[in-house]
PDB file of N, CA and C in Angstrom:
ATOM      1  N   MET A   1     126.477 109.321  98.989  1.00  0.00           N
ATOM      2  CA  MET A   1     125.820 108.684  98.786  1.00  0.00           C
ATOM      3  C   MET A   1     125.785 107.340  98.100  1.00  0.00           C
ATOM      4  N   THR A   2     125.621 106.119  98.782  1.00  0.00           N
ATOM      5  CA  THR A   2     126.490 104.848  98.342  1.00  0.00           C
ATOM      6  C   THR A   2     125.287 103.885  97.929  1.00  0.00           C
ATOM      7  N   GLU A   3     124.424 103.587  98.756  1.00  0.00           N
ATOM      8  CA  GLU A   3     122.766 102.703  98.967  1.00  0.00           C
ATOM      9  C   GLU A   3     121.959 103.710  97.984  1.00  0.00           C
ATOM     10  N   GLN A   4     121.456 102.751  97.269  1.00  0.00           N
ATOM     11  CA  GLN A   4     120.076 102.882  96.503  1.00  0.00           C
ATOM     12  C   GLN A   4     119.016 103.200  97.413  1.00  0.00           C
ATOM     13  N   LEU A   5     118.049 104.522  97.260  1.00  0.00           N
ATOM     14  CA  LEU A   5     116.977 104.771  97.748  1.00  0.00           C
ATOM     15  C   LEU A   5     115.502 104.282  97.126  1.00  0.00           C
ATOM     16  N   THR A   6     114.719 104.020  97.722  1.00  0.00           N
ATOM     17  CA  THR A   6     113.290 103.798  96.823  1.00  0.00           C
ATOM     18  C   THR A   6     112.500 104.350  97.251  1.00  0.00           C
ATOM     19  N   VAL A   7     111.700 105.227  96.340  1.00  0.00           N
ATOM     20  CA  VAL A   7     110.517 106.060  96.590  1.00  0.00           C
ATOM     21  C   VAL A   7     109.344 105.392  96.848  1.00  0.00           C
ATOM     22  N   ILE A   8     108.335 105.006  97.899  1.00  0.00           N
ATOM     23  CA  ILE A   8     107.304 104.533  97.670  1.00  0.00           C
ATOM     24  C   ILE A   8     106.147 105.552  97.761  1.00  0.00           C
ATOM     25  N   TYR A   9     105.523 105.436  96.733  1.00  0.00           N
ATOM     26  CA  TYR A   9     104.466 106.714  96.717  1.00  0.00           C
ATOM     27  C   TYR A   9     103.087 106.095  96.065  1.00  0.00           C
ATOM     28  N   ASN A  10     102.491 107.355  96.464  1.00  0.00           N
ATOM     29  CA  ASN A  10     100.622 106.883  95.758  1.00  0.00           C
ATOM     30  C   ASN A  10     100.735 107.750  94.498  1.00  0.00           C
ATOM     31  N   ASP A  11     100.860 107.286  93.320  1.00  0.00           N
ATOM     32  CA  ASP A  11     100.721 107.207  91.955  1.00  0.00           C
ATOM     33  C   ASP A  11      99.672 107.672  91.566  1.00  0.00           C
ATOM     34  N   THR A  12      98.619 107.037  92.437  1.00  0.00           N
ATOM     35  CA  THR A  12      97.141 107.134  91.823  1.00  0.00           C
ATOM     36  C   THR A  12      96.997 108.905  92.470  1.00  0.00           C
ATOM     37  N   CYS A  13      97.527 109.189  93.198  1.00  0.00           N
ATOM     38  CA  CYS A  13      97.078 110.805  93.836  1.00  0.00           C
ATOM     39  C   CYS A  13      97.941 111.964  93.083  1.00  0.00           C
ATOM     40  N   PRO A  14      97.039 112.596  92.303  1.00  0.00           N
ATOM     41  CA  PRO A  14      97.439 113.702  91.178  1.00  0.00           C
ATOM     42  C   PRO A  14      98.589 114.756  92.071  1.00  0.00           C
ATOM     43  N   ILE A  15      98.097 114.960  93.263  1.00  0.00           N
ATOM     44  CA  ILE A  15      98.963 115.819  94.078  1.00  0.00           C
ATOM     45  C   ILE A  15     100.452 114.882  94.358  1.00  0.00           C
ATOM     46  N   CYS A  16     100.512 114.042  94.781  1.00  0.00           N
ATOM     47  CA  CYS A  16     101.835 113.115  95.051  1.00  0.00           C
ATOM     48  C   CYS A  16     102.772 112.828  93.600  1.00  0.00           C
ATOM     49  N   ALA A  17     101.714 112.362  92.960  1.00  0.00           N
ATOM     50  CA  ALA A  17     102.377 112.188  91.369  1.00  0.00           C
ATOM     51  C   ALA A  17     103.102 113.154  90.606  1.00  0.00           C
ATOM     52  N   ARG A  18     102.699 114.472  91.188  1.00  0.00           N
ATOM     53  CA  ARG A  18     103.184 115.901  90.898  1.00  0.00           C
ATOM     54  C   ARG A  18     104.237 115.857  90.952  1.00  0.00           C
ATOM     55  N   GLU A  19     104.154 115.839  92.551  1.00  0.00           N
ATOM     56  CA  GLU A  19     105.729 116.397  93.553  1.00  0.00           C
ATOM     57  C   GLU A  19     106.894 115.296  93.184  1.00  0.00           C
ATOM     58  N   VAL A  20     106.155 113.842  92.828  1.00  0.00           N
ATOM     59  CA  VAL A  20     107.367 112.959  92.630  1.00  0.00           C
ATOM     60  C   VAL A  20     107.859 113.006  91.069  1.00  0.00           C
ATOM     61  N   ARG A  21     107.193 113.347  90.242  1.00  0.00           N
ATOM     62  CA  ARG A  21     107.914 113.494  88.737  1.00  0.00           C
ATOM     63  C   ARG A  21     109.057 114.963  88.772  1.00  0.00           C
ATOM     64  N   GLY A  22     108.807 116.214  90.000  1.00  0.00           N
ATOM     65  CA  GLY A  22     109.748 116.964  89.936  1.00  0.00           C
ATOM     66  C   GLY A  22     111.014 116.170  91.077  1.00  0.00           C
ATOM     67  N   TYR A  23     110.753 115.181  91.527  1.00  0.00           N
ATOM     68  CA  TYR A  23     112.279 114.287  92.096  1.00  0.00           C
ATOM     69  C   TYR A  23     112.918 113.639  91.251  1.00  0.00           C
ATOM     70  N   LYS A  24     111.670 113.167  90.218  1.00  0.00           N
ATOM     71  CA  LYS A  24     112.341 111.946  89.039  1.00  0.00           C
ATOM     72  C   LYS A  24     113.226 112.902  88.227  1.00  0.00           C
ATOM     73  N   ARG A  25     112.809 113.920  87.644  1.00  0.00           N
ATOM     74  CA  ARG A  25     113.006 115.353  87.037  1.00  0.00           C
ATOM     75  C   ARG A  25     114.712 115.245  87.581  1.00  0.00           C
ATOM     76  N   MET A  26     114.755 115.767  89.077  1.00  0.00           N
ATOM     77  CA  MET A  26     115.722 116.249  89.229  1.00  0.00           C
ATOM     78  C   MET A  26     116.661 115.059  89.704  1.00  0.00           C
ATOM     79  N   THR A  27     116.292 113.753  90.021  1.00  0.00           N
ATOM     80  CA  THR A  27     117.046 112.547  90.316  1.00  0.00           C
ATOM     81  C   THR A  27     117.485 112.285  88.654  1.00  0.00           C
ATOM     82  N   GLU A  28     116.804 112.427  87.457  1.00  0.00           N
ATOM     83  CA  GLU A  28     117.852 112.085  86.300  1.00  0.00           C
ATOM     84  C   GLU A  28     118.737 112.878  85.799  1.00  0.00           C
ATOM     85  N   ARG A  29     118.656 114.144  86.252  1.00  0.00           N
ATOM     86  CA  ARG A  29     119.604 115.052  85.762  1.00  0.00           C
ATOM     87  C   ARG A  29     121.071 115.389  86.616  1.00  0.00           C
ATOM     88  N   HIS A  30     120.570 114.319  87.610  1.00  0.00           N
ATOM     89  CA  HIS A  30     121.816 114.333  88.762  1.00  0.00           C
ATOM     90  C   HIS A  30     122.384 112.603  88.615  1.00  0.00           C
ATOM     91  N   ASP A  31     121.835 112.092  87.747  1.00  0.00           N
ATOM     92  CA  ASP A  31     122.137 110.470  87.590  1.00  0.00           C
ATOM     93  C   ASP A  31     122.201 109.940  88.928  1.00  0.00           C
ATOM     94  N   LEU A  32     121.014 110.119  89.917  1.00  0.00           N
ATOM     95  CA  LEU A  32     121.124 109.955  91.301  1.00  0.00           C
ATOM     96  C   LEU A  32     120.766 108.174  91.490  1.00  0.00           C
ATOM     97  N   PRO A  33     121.089 107.623  92.408  1.00  0.00           N
ATOM     98  CA  PRO A  33     120.501 106.182  92.657  1.00  0.00           C
ATOM     99  C   PRO A  33     119.010 105.971  93.692  1.00  0.00           C
ATOM    100  N   ILE A  34     117.879 106.692  93.091  1.00  0.00           N
ATOM    101  CA  ILE A  34     116.873 106.650  93.770  1.00  0.00           C
ATOM    102  C   ILE A  34     115.881 106.132  92.729  1.00  0.00           C
ATOM    103  N   ARG A  35     115.099 105.022  92.914  1.00  0.00           N
ATOM    104  CA  ARG A  35     114.342 104.464  92.368  1.00  0.00           C
ATOM    105  C   ARG A  35     113.201 104.803  92.863  1.00  0.00           C
ATOM    106  N   PHE A  36     112.149 104.580  92.246  1.00  0.00           N
ATOM    107  CA  PHE A  36     110.751 105.056  92.142  1.00  0.00           C
ATOM    108  C   PHE A  36     109.599 103.925  92.143  1.00  0.00           C
ATOM    109  N   ARG A  37     108.839 103.647  92.928  1.00  0.00           N
ATOM    110  CA  ARG A  37     107.615 102.218  93.219  1.00  0.00           C
ATOM    111  C   ARG A  37     106.480 103.108  93.109  1.00  0.00           C
ATOM    112  N   GLY A  38     105.452 103.287  92.353  1.00  0.00           N
ATOM    113  CA  GLY A  38     104.053 103.874  93.076  1.00  0.00           C
ATOM    114  C   GLY A  38     103.131 102.440  93.306  1.00  0.00           C
ATOM    115  N   LEU A  39     102.263 102.639  93.673  1.00  0.00           N
ATOM    116  CA  LEU A  39     101.305 102.421  94.564  1.00  0.00           C
ATOM    117  C   LEU A  39     100.584 101.191  93.434  1.00  0.00           C
ATOM    118  N   SER A  40      99.957 101.867  92.228  1.00  0.00           N
ATOM    119  CA  SER A  40      99.563 100.763  91.213  1.00  0.00           C
ATOM    120  C   SER A  40     100.495 100.284  90.665  1.00  0.00           C
ATOM    121  N   GLU A  41     101.864  99.871  91.122  1.00  0.00           N
ATOM    122  CA  GLU A  41     103.022  99.155  90.447  1.00  0.00           C
ATOM    123  C   GLU A  41     102.591  97.802  90.833  1.00  0.00           C
ATOM    124  N   GLY A  42     102.019  97.916  92.444  1.00  0.00           N
ATOM    125  CA  GLY A  42     102.183  96.576  93.219  1.00  0.00           C
ATOM    126  C   GLY A  42     103.393  96.182  93.886  1.00  0.00           C
ATOM    127  N   GLU A  43     103.519  94.894  94.350  1.00  0.00           N
ATOM    128  CA  GLU A  43     104.867  94.356  94.808  1.00  0.00           C
ATOM    129  C   GLU A  43     105.337  95.271  95.795  1.00  0.00           C
ATOM    130  N   LEU A  44     104.022  95.668  96.945  1.00  0.00           N
ATOM    131  CA  LEU A  44     104.726  96.418  98.218  1.00  0.00           C
ATOM    132  C   LEU A  44     104.992  95.342  99.292  1.00  0.00           C
ATOM    133  N   ASP A  45     104.740  94.209  99.124  1.00  0.00           N
ATOM    134  CA  ASP A  45     104.811  93.082  99.942  1.00  0.00           C
ATOM    135  C   ASP A  45     105.962  93.190 100.140  1.00  0.00           C
ATOM    136  N   ALA A  46     107.398  93.490  99.321  1.00  0.00           N
ATOM    137  CA  ALA A  46     108.703  93.595  99.895  1.00  0.00           C
ATOM    138  C   ALA A  46     109.337  94.381 100.538  1.00  0.00           C
ATOM    139  N   TYR A  47     108.140  95.313 100.608  1.00  0.00           N
ATOM    140  CA  TYR A  47     108.536  96.560 101.748  1.00  0.00           C
ATOM    141  C   TYR A  47     108.024  96.683 103.151  1.00  0.00           C
ATOM    142  N   GLY A  48     106.835  95.744 102.939  1.00  0.00           N
ATOM    143  CA  GLY A  48     106.227  95.403 104.389  1.00  0.00           C
ATOM    144  C   GLY A  48     105.014  96.400 104.201  1.00  0.00           C
ATOM    145  N   LEU A  49     104.473  96.707 103.262  1.00  0.00           N
ATOM    146  CA  LEU A  49     103.410  97.487 103.244  1.00  0.00           C
ATOM    147  C   LEU A  49     102.233  96.956 102.568  1.00  0.00           C
ATOM    148  N   SER A  50     101.198  97.489 102.734  1.00  0.00           N
ATOM    149  CA  SER A  50      99.915  97.026 102.040  1.00  0.00           C
ATOM    150  C   SER A  50      99.557  98.452 101.583  1.00  0.00           C
ATOM    151  N   LYS A  51      98.464  98.246 100.344  1.00  0.00           N
ATOM    152  CA  LYS A  51      98.437  99.346  99.575  1.00  0.00           C
ATOM    153  C   LYS A  51      97.613 100.301 100.452  1.00  0.00           C
ATOM    154  N   ARG A  52      97.101  99.949 101.560  1.00  0.00           N
ATOM    155  CA  ARG A  52      96.491 101.256 102.050  1.00  0.00           C
ATOM    156  C   ARG A  52      97.304 102.142 103.037  1.00  0.00           C
ATOM    157  N   ALA A  53      98.514 101.115 103.484  1.00  0.00           N
ATOM    158  CA  ALA A  53      99.671 102.116 103.932  1.00  0.00           C
ATOM    159  C   ALA A  53     100.342 102.607 103.405  1.00  0.00           C
ATOM    160  N   ALA A  54     100.743 102.112 101.902  1.00  0.00           N
ATOM    161  CA  ALA A  54     101.355 102.668 101.243  1.00  0.00           C
ATOM    162  C   ALA A  54     100.616 104.077 100.237  1.00  0.00           C
ATOM    163  N   ALA A  55      99.399 103.983 100.516  1.00  0.00           N
ATOM    164  CA  ALA A  55      98.655 105.156 100.222  1.00  0.00           C
ATOM    165  C   ALA A  55      98.381 106.331 101.263  1.00  0.00           C
ATOM    166  N   ARG A  56      98.487 105.990 102.395  1.00  0.00           N
ATOM    167  CA  ARG A  56      98.384 106.843 103.122  1.00  0.00           C
ATOM    168  C   ARG A  56      99.259 107.694 103.677  1.00  0.00           C
ATOM    169  N   ARG A  57     100.702 107.179 103.570  1.00  0.00           N
ATOM    170  CA  ARG A  57     101.625 108.245 103.719  1.00  0.00           C
ATOM    171  C   ARG A  57     102.880 108.208 102.630  1.00  0.00           C
ATOM    172  N   PHE A  58     103.870 108.654 102.652  1.00  0.00           N
ATOM    173  CA  PHE A  58     104.734 108.592 101.990  1.00  0.00           C
ATOM    174  C   PHE A  58     105.841 107.765 102.522  1.00  0.00           C
ATOM    175  N   HIS A  59     106.728 107.113 101.543  1.00  0.00           N
ATOM    176  CA  HIS A  59     107.660 106.083 102.060  1.00  0.00           C
ATOM    177  C   HIS A  59     108.649 105.814 101.477  1.00  0.00           C
ATOM    178  N   VAL A  60     109.591 105.776 102.134  1.00  0.00           N
ATOM    179  CA  VAL A  60     111.179 105.413 101.277  1.00  0.00           C
ATOM    180  C   VAL A  60     111.756 104.088 101.751  1.00  0.00           C
ATOM    181  N   GLU A  61     112.859 103.401 101.199  1.00  0.00           N
ATOM    182  CA  GLU A  61     113.263 102.074 101.725  1.00  0.00           C
ATOM    183  C   GLU A  61     114.817 102.447 101.594  1.00  0.00           C
ATOM    184  N   GLU A  62     115.684 102.320 102.391  1.00  0.00           N
ATOM    185  CA  GLU A  62     116.843 102.490 102.260  1.00  0.00           C
ATOM    186  C   GLU A  62     117.448 101.400 103.006  1.00  0.00           C
ATOM    187  N   ASN A  63     118.349 100.841 102.935  1.00  0.00           N
ATOM    188  CA  ASN A  63     119.308  99.827 103.075  1.00  0.00           C
ATOM    189  C   ASN A  63     118.291  98.890 104.441  1.00  0.00           C
ATOM    190  N   GLY A  64     117.455  98.728 103.415  1.00  0.00           N
ATOM    191  CA  GLY A  64     116.267  97.744 104.016  1.00  0.00           C
ATOM    192  C   GLY A  64     115.874  98.124 105.176  1.00  0.00           C
ATOM    193  N   ARG A  65     115.684  99.352 104.973  1.00  0.00           N
ATOM    194  CA  ARG A  65     114.643  99.798 106.342  1.00  0.00           C
ATOM    195  C   ARG A  65     114.072 100.746 105.704  1.00  0.00           C
ATOM    196  N   VAL A  66     112.718 100.957 106.246  1.00  0.00           N
ATOM    197  CA  VAL A  66     111.403 101.214 106.027  1.00  0.00           C
ATOM    198  C   VAL A  66     111.029 102.745 106.451  1.00  0.00           C
ATOM    199  N   TYR A  67     111.081 103.827 105.769  1.00  0.00           N
ATOM    200  CA  TYR A  67     111.112 105.039 106.652  1.00  0.00           C
ATOM    201  C   TYR A  67     109.861 105.902 106.163  1.00  0.00           C
ATOM    202  N   ASP A  68     108.804 106.510 107.139  1.00  0.00           N
ATOM    203  CA  ASP A  68     107.853 107.313 106.455  1.00  0.00           C
ATOM    204  C   ASP A  68     107.457 108.685 106.783  1.00  0.00           C
ATOM    205  N   GLY A  69     106.979 109.377 106.304  1.00  0.00           N
ATOM    206  CA  GLY A  69     106.506 110.710 106.500  1.00  0.00           C
ATOM    207  C   GLY A  69     107.680 111.473 106.384  1.00  0.00           C
ATOM    208  N   VAL A  70     107.710 112.814 107.178  1.00  0.00           N
ATOM    209  CA  VAL A  70     108.804 113.675 107.155  1.00  0.00           C
ATOM    210  C   VAL A  70     110.221 113.159 107.111  1.00  0.00           C
ATOM    211  N   ASP A  71     110.523 112.084 107.616  1.00  0.00           N
ATOM    212  CA  ASP A  71     111.622 111.369 108.060  1.00  0.00           C
ATOM    213  C   ASP A  71     112.166 111.125 106.367  1.00  0.00           C
ATOM    214  N   ALA A  72     111.051 110.279 105.389  1.00  0.00           N
ATOM    215  CA  ALA A  72     111.318 109.601 104.271  1.00  0.00           C
ATOM    216  C   ALA A  72     111.422 111.011 103.381  1.00  0.00           C
ATOM    217  N   PHE A  73     110.780 112.061 103.511  1.00  0.00           N
ATOM    218  CA  PHE A  73     110.920 113.166 102.473  1.00  0.00           C
ATOM    219  C   PHE A  73     112.211 113.681 102.877  1.00  0.00           C
ATOM    220  N   ALA A  74     112.833 113.933 104.139  1.00  0.00           N
ATOM    221  CA  ALA A  74     114.223 114.318 104.523  1.00  0.00           C
ATOM    222  C   ALA A  74     115.344 113.326 103.603  1.00  0.00           C
ATOM    223  N   ARG A  75     115.088 111.995 103.476  1.00  0.00           N
ATOM    224  CA  ARG A  75     115.955 111.228 103.356  1.00  0.00           C
ATOM    225  C   ARG A  75     115.932 111.468 101.761  1.00  0.00           C
ATOM    226  N   VAL A  76     114.984 111.863 100.931  1.00  0.00           N
ATOM    227  CA  VAL A  76     114.642 112.231  99.415  1.00  0.00           C
ATOM    228  C   VAL A  76     115.593 113.236  99.492  1.00  0.00           C
ATOM    229  N   TRP A  77     115.379 114.193  99.947  1.00  0.00           N
ATOM    230  CA  TRP A  77     115.713 115.720  99.711  1.00  0.00           C
ATOM    231  C   TRP A  77     117.209 115.697 100.199  1.00  0.00           C
ATOM    232  N   ASP A  78     117.572 114.928 100.916  1.00  0.00           N
ATOM    233  CA  ASP A  78     119.174 114.890 101.018  1.00  0.00           C
ATOM    234  C   ASP A  78     119.890 114.148 100.286  1.00  0.00           C
ATOM    235  N   ARG A  79     119.039 113.522  99.202  1.00  0.00           N
ATOM    236  CA  ARG A  79     120.356 112.689  98.020  1.00  0.00           C
ATOM    237  C   ARG A  79     120.188 113.898  96.865  1.00  0.00           C
ATOM    238  N   ILE A  80     119.251 114.897  96.750  1.00  0.00           N
ATOM    239  CA  ILE A  80     119.010 115.931  95.694  1.00  0.00           C
ATOM    240  C   ILE A  80     119.462 117.252  96.086  1.00  0.00           C
ATOM    241  N   PRO A  81     120.908 117.304  95.116  1.00  0.00           N
ATOM    242  CA  PRO A  81     121.493 118.757  95.739  1.00  0.00           C
ATOM    243  C   PRO A  81     120.588 120.055  95.778  1.00  0.00           C
ATOM    244  N   ARG A  82     119.800 120.152  95.001  1.00  0.00           N
ATOM    245  CA  ARG A  82     118.897 121.743  95.059  1.00  0.00           C
ATOM    246  C   ARG A  82     117.978 121.670  96.335  1.00  0.00           C
ATOM    247  N   LEU A  83     117.847 120.378  97.029  1.00  0.00           N
ATOM    248  CA  LEU A  83     116.906 120.272  98.161  1.00  0.00           C
ATOM    249  C   LEU A  83     117.493 119.834  99.396  1.00  0.00           C
ATOM    250  N   ARG A  84     118.863 119.839  99.641  1.00  0.00           N
ATOM    251  CA  ARG A  84     119.296 119.256 100.555  1.00  0.00           C
ATOM    252  C   ARG A  84     118.878 120.320 101.548  1.00  0.00           C
ATOM    253  N   TRP A  85     119.028 121.647 101.308  1.00  0.00           N
ATOM    254  CA  TRP A  85     118.927 122.606 102.384  1.00  0.00           C
ATOM    255  C   TRP A  85     117.544 122.514 103.327  1.00  0.00           C
ATOM    256  N   LEU A  86     116.552 121.566 102.216  1.00  0.00           N
ATOM    257  CA  LEU A  86     115.248 121.519 102.967  1.00  0.00           C
ATOM    258  C   LEU A  86     115.194 120.492 104.258  1.00  0.00           C
ATOM    259  N   ALA A  87     116.240 119.460 103.196  1.00  0.00           N
ATOM    260  CA  ALA A  87     116.184 118.080 104.496  1.00  0.00           C
ATOM    261  C   ALA A  87     116.965 118.685 106.116  1.00  0.00           C
ATOM    262  N   ARG A  88     117.784 119.663 105.960  1.00  0.00           N
ATOM    263  CA  ARG A  88     118.534 119.942 106.814  1.00  0.00           C
ATOM    264  C   ARG A  88     117.583 121.117 107.801  1.00  0.00           C
ATOM    265  N   LEU A  89     116.482 122.050 107.014  1.00  0.00           N
ATOM    266  CA  LEU A  89     116.037 122.551 107.793  1.00  0.00           C
ATOM    267  C   LEU A  89     114.769 121.799 108.598  1.00  0.00           C
ATOM    268  N   VAL A  90     114.232 120.726 107.851  1.00  0.00           N
ATOM    269  CA  VAL A  90     112.914 119.688 108.711  1.00  0.00           C
ATOM    270  C   VAL A  90     113.750 119.218 109.756  1.00  0.00           C
ATOM    271  N   ARG A  91     114.775 118.580 109.843  1.00  0.00           N
ATOM    272  CA  ARG A  91     115.432 118.141 110.807  1.00  0.00           C
ATOM    273  C   ARG A  91     115.949 119.193 112.024  1.00  0.00           C
ATOM    274  N   LEU A  92     115.806 120.310 112.084  1.00  0.00           N
ATOM    275  CA  LEU A  92     116.276 121.185 113.039  1.00  0.00           C
ATOM    276  C   LEU A  92     115.052 120.622 114.101  1.00  0.00           C
ATOM    277  N   PRO A  93     115.431 120.492 115.571  1.00  0.00           N
ATOM    278  CA  PRO A  93     114.500 119.723 116.510  1.00  0.00           C
ATOM    279  C   PRO A  93     113.179 120.266 116.412  1.00  0.00           C
ATOM    280  N   GLY A  94     113.038 121.885 116.554  1.00  0.00           N
ATOM    281  CA  GLY A  94     111.743 122.272 116.650  1.00  0.00           C
ATOM    282  C   GLY A  94     111.038 121.828 115.254  1.00  0.00           C
ATOM    283  N   LEU A  95     111.393 122.585 114.375  1.00  0.00           N
ATOM    284  CA  LEU A  95     111.151 122.480 112.939  1.00  0.00           C
ATOM    285  C   LEU A  95     110.723 120.789 112.748  1.00  0.00           C
ATOM    286  N   HIS A  96     111.206 119.752 112.831  1.00  0.00           N
ATOM    287  CA  HIS A  96     111.224 118.585 112.849  1.00  0.00           C
ATOM    288  C   HIS A  96     109.807 118.228 113.555  1.00  0.00           C
ATOM    289  N   LYS A  97     109.456 118.409 114.585  1.00  0.00           N
ATOM    290  CA  LYS A  97     108.347 118.210 115.385  1.00  0.00           C
ATOM    291  C   LYS A  97     107.294 118.950 114.980  1.00  0.00           C
ATOM    292  N   LEU A  98     107.191 120.642 114.371  1.00  0.00           N
ATOM    293  CA  LEU A  98     106.099 121.038 113.793  1.00  0.00           C
ATOM    294  C   LEU A  98     106.306 120.222 112.240  1.00  0.00           C
ATOM    295  N   SER A  99     107.206 119.990 111.572  1.00  0.00           N
ATOM    296  CA  SER A  99     106.496 119.452 110.224  1.00  0.00           C
ATOM    297  C   SER A  99     105.987 117.841 110.252  1.00  0.00           C
ATOM    298  N   GLU A 100     106.385 117.405 111.446  1.00  0.00           N
ATOM    299  CA  GLU A 100     105.380 116.114 111.676  1.00  0.00           C
ATOM    300  C   GLU A 100     104.407 115.988 112.125  1.00  0.00           C
ATOM    301  N   LEU A 101     104.232 117.219 112.810  1.00  0.00           N
ATOM    302  CA  LEU A 101     102.367 117.485 113.235  1.00  0.00           C
ATOM    303  C   LEU A 101     101.758 117.700 112.138  1.00  0.00           C
ATOM    304  N   LEU A 102     102.328 118.693 111.368  1.00  0.00           N
ATOM    305  CA  LEU A 102     101.745 119.183 110.057  1.00  0.00           C
ATOM    306  C   LEU A 102     101.430 117.672 109.103  1.00  0.00           C
ATOM    307  N   TYR A 103     102.444 117.158 108.828  1.00  0.00           N
ATOM    308  CA  TYR A 103     102.485 116.111 107.880  1.00  0.00           C
ATOM    309  C   TYR A 103     101.541 114.961 108.387  1.00  0.00           C
ATOM    310  N   ASP A 104     101.600 114.482 109.561  1.00  0.00           N
ATOM    311  CA  ASP A 104     100.515 113.597 110.513  1.00  0.00           C
ATOM    312  C   ASP A 104      99.080 113.842 110.687  1.00  0.00           C
ATOM    313  N   TYR A 105      98.768 115.218 110.949  1.00  0.00           N
ATOM    314  CA  TYR A 105      97.381 115.459 111.188  1.00  0.00           C
ATOM    315  C   TYR A 105      96.964 116.388 109.862  1.00  0.00           C
ATOM    316  N   VAL A 106      97.888 116.920 109.233  1.00  0.00           N
ATOM    317  CA  VAL A 106      97.316 117.814 108.198  1.00  0.00           C
ATOM    318  C   VAL A 106      97.072 117.221 106.906  1.00  0.00           C
ATOM    319  N   ALA A 107      98.421 117.141 106.162  1.00  0.00           N
ATOM    320  CA  ALA A 107      98.865 116.725 104.778  1.00  0.00           C
ATOM    321  C   ALA A 107      98.397 115.505 104.775  1.00  0.00           C
ATOM    322  N   ALA A 108      98.668 114.525 105.166  1.00  0.00           N
ATOM    323  CA  ALA A 108      98.538 113.020 104.900  1.00  0.00           C
ATOM    324  C   ALA A 108      97.161 112.885 105.041  1.00  0.00           C
ATOM    325  N   PRO A 109      96.407 113.232 106.545  1.00  0.00           N
ATOM    326  CA  PRO A 109      95.332 112.419 106.203  1.00  0.00           C
ATOM    327  C   PRO A 109      94.142 113.253 105.100  1.00  0.00           C
ATOM    328  N   ALA A 110      94.267 114.532 104.612  1.00  0.00           N
ATOM    329  CA  ALA A 110      93.710 115.270 103.922  1.00  0.00           C
ATOM    330  C   ALA A 110      94.079 114.498 102.228  1.00  0.00           C
ATOM    331  N   LEU A 111      95.566 114.052 102.028  1.00  0.00           N
ATOM    332  CA  LEU A 111      95.778 113.400 100.558  1.00  0.00           C
ATOM    333  C   LEU A 111      95.031 112.292 101.013  1.00  0.00           C
ATOM    334  N   PHE A 112      95.088 111.591 101.664  1.00  0.00           N
ATOM    335  CA  PHE A 112      94.414 109.920 102.159  1.00  0.00           C
ATOM    336  C   PHE A 112      92.819 110.310 101.780  1.00  0.00           C
ATOM    337  N   ALA A 113      92.267 111.342 102.471  1.00  0.00           N
ATOM    338  CA  ALA A 113      90.556 111.238 102.631  1.00  0.00           C
ATOM    339  C   ALA A 113      90.710 111.754 100.736  1.00  0.00           C
ATOM    340  N   LEU A 114      91.391 112.176 100.228  1.00  0.00           N
ATOM    341  CA  LEU A 114      91.036 112.328  98.399  1.00  0.00           C
ATOM    342  C   LEU A 114      91.417 111.279  97.890  1.00  0.00           C
ATOM    343  N   HIS A 115      92.009 110.549  98.181  1.00  0.00           N
ATOM    344  CA  HIS A 115      92.514 109.102  97.622  1.00  0.00           C
ATOM    345  C   HIS A 115      91.431 108.239  97.661  1.00  0.00           C
ATOM    346  N   ARG A 116      90.958 108.236  99.030  1.00  0.00           N
ATOM    347  CA  ARG A 116      89.635 107.352  99.191  1.00  0.00           C
ATOM    348  C   ARG A 116      88.379 107.857  98.605  1.00  0.00           C
ATOM    349  N   ARG A 117      88.343 109.228  98.369  1.00  0.00           N
ATOM    350  CA  ARG A 117      87.255 109.767  97.719  1.00  0.00           C
ATOM    351  C   ARG A 117      87.556 109.032  95.951  1.00  0.00           C
ATOM    352  N   ARG A 118      88.626 109.159  95.301  1.00  0.00           N
ATOM    353  CA  ARG A 118      88.453 108.957  94.225  1.00  0.00           C
ATOM    354  C   ARG A 118      88.730 107.251  94.168  1.00  0.00           C
ATOM    355  N   VAL A 119      89.117 106.443  94.800  1.00  0.00           N
ATOM    356  CA  VAL A 119      88.708 105.175  95.042  1.00  0.00           C
ATOM    357  C   VAL A 119      87.423 104.603  94.936  1.00  0.00           C
ATOM    358  N   SER A 120      86.609 105.231  95.715  1.00  0.00           N
ATOM    359  CA  SER A 120      85.217 105.119  95.924  1.00  0.00           C
ATOM    360  C   SER A 120      84.402 105.500  94.877  1.00  0.00           C
ATOM    361  N   LYS A 121      85.211 106.042  93.806  1.00  0.00           N
ATOM    362  CA  LYS A 121      84.531 106.608  92.777  1.00  0.00           C
ATOM    363  C   LYS A 121      84.684 105.986  91.448  1.00  0.00           C
ATOM    364  N   GLY A 122      85.574 105.027  91.767  1.00  0.00           N
ATOM    365  CA  GLY A 122      86.228 104.375  90.873  1.00  0.00           C
ATOM    366  C   GLY A 122      87.339 104.740  89.713  1.00  0.00           C
ATOM    367  N   ASN A 123      87.961 105.827  90.346  1.00  0.00           N
ATOM    368  CA  ASN A 123      88.889 106.818  89.217  1.00  0.00           C
ATOM    369  C   ASN A 123      90.638 106.207  89.742  1.00  0.00           C
ATOM    370  N   ALA A 124      90.883 105.358  90.743  1.00  0.00           N
ATOM    371  CA  ALA A 124      91.705 104.991  91.180  1.00  0.00           C
ATOM    372  C   ALA A 124      92.279 103.615  91.222  1.00  0.00           C
ATOM    373  N   TYR A 125      93.414 103.218  91.088  1.00  0.00           N
ATOM    374  CA  TYR A 125      93.643 101.706  91.107  1.00  0.00           C
ATOM    375  C   TYR A 125      93.183 101.005  92.146  1.00  0.00           C
ATOM    376  N   ARG A 126      92.361  99.984  92.175  1.00  0.00           N
ATOM    377  CA  ARG A 126      91.302  99.079  93.157  1.00  0.00           C
ATOM    378  C   ARG A 126      91.949  97.926  93.449  1.00  0.00           C
ATOM    379  N   ARG A 127      93.129  97.299  93.372  1.00  0.00           N
ATOM    380  CA  ARG A 127      93.382  96.161  94.020  1.00  0.00           C
ATOM    381  C   ARG A 127      93.904  96.037  94.876  1.00  0.00           C
ATOM    382  N   GLY A 128      93.695  94.776  95.984  1.00  0.00           N
ATOM    383  CA  GLY A 128      94.554  94.885  97.141  1.00  0.00           C
ATOM    384  C   GLY A 128      93.813  95.413  98.244  1.00  0.00           C
TER     385      GLY A 128
END
């Protein structure tokens, strides 16, 4: 692993933030070249993302290219020794498609709906 990976995630989402905290712990334990950029930190223009797009899906940037969804998760998992098996698993042809469908049509929309509800109640970062 030579290039740094940047994880771009919705840090105003309690579920997303908790998952990324776990990634951060594993990253620090292994001194891995992974950076984390939360939605509330701003400066998403550098990745070609609006706040809405960043809140809607999990993203990573690697070598100047932005990946999202299952492919983004797999890139993170690939870097973390303890999770490499999971990256290989979700890349299997049948499981990759199933994972994409579940993320695209169940997990991501549900988490984004919760995010919109928090924003409308004034409990989340609103700029942008």
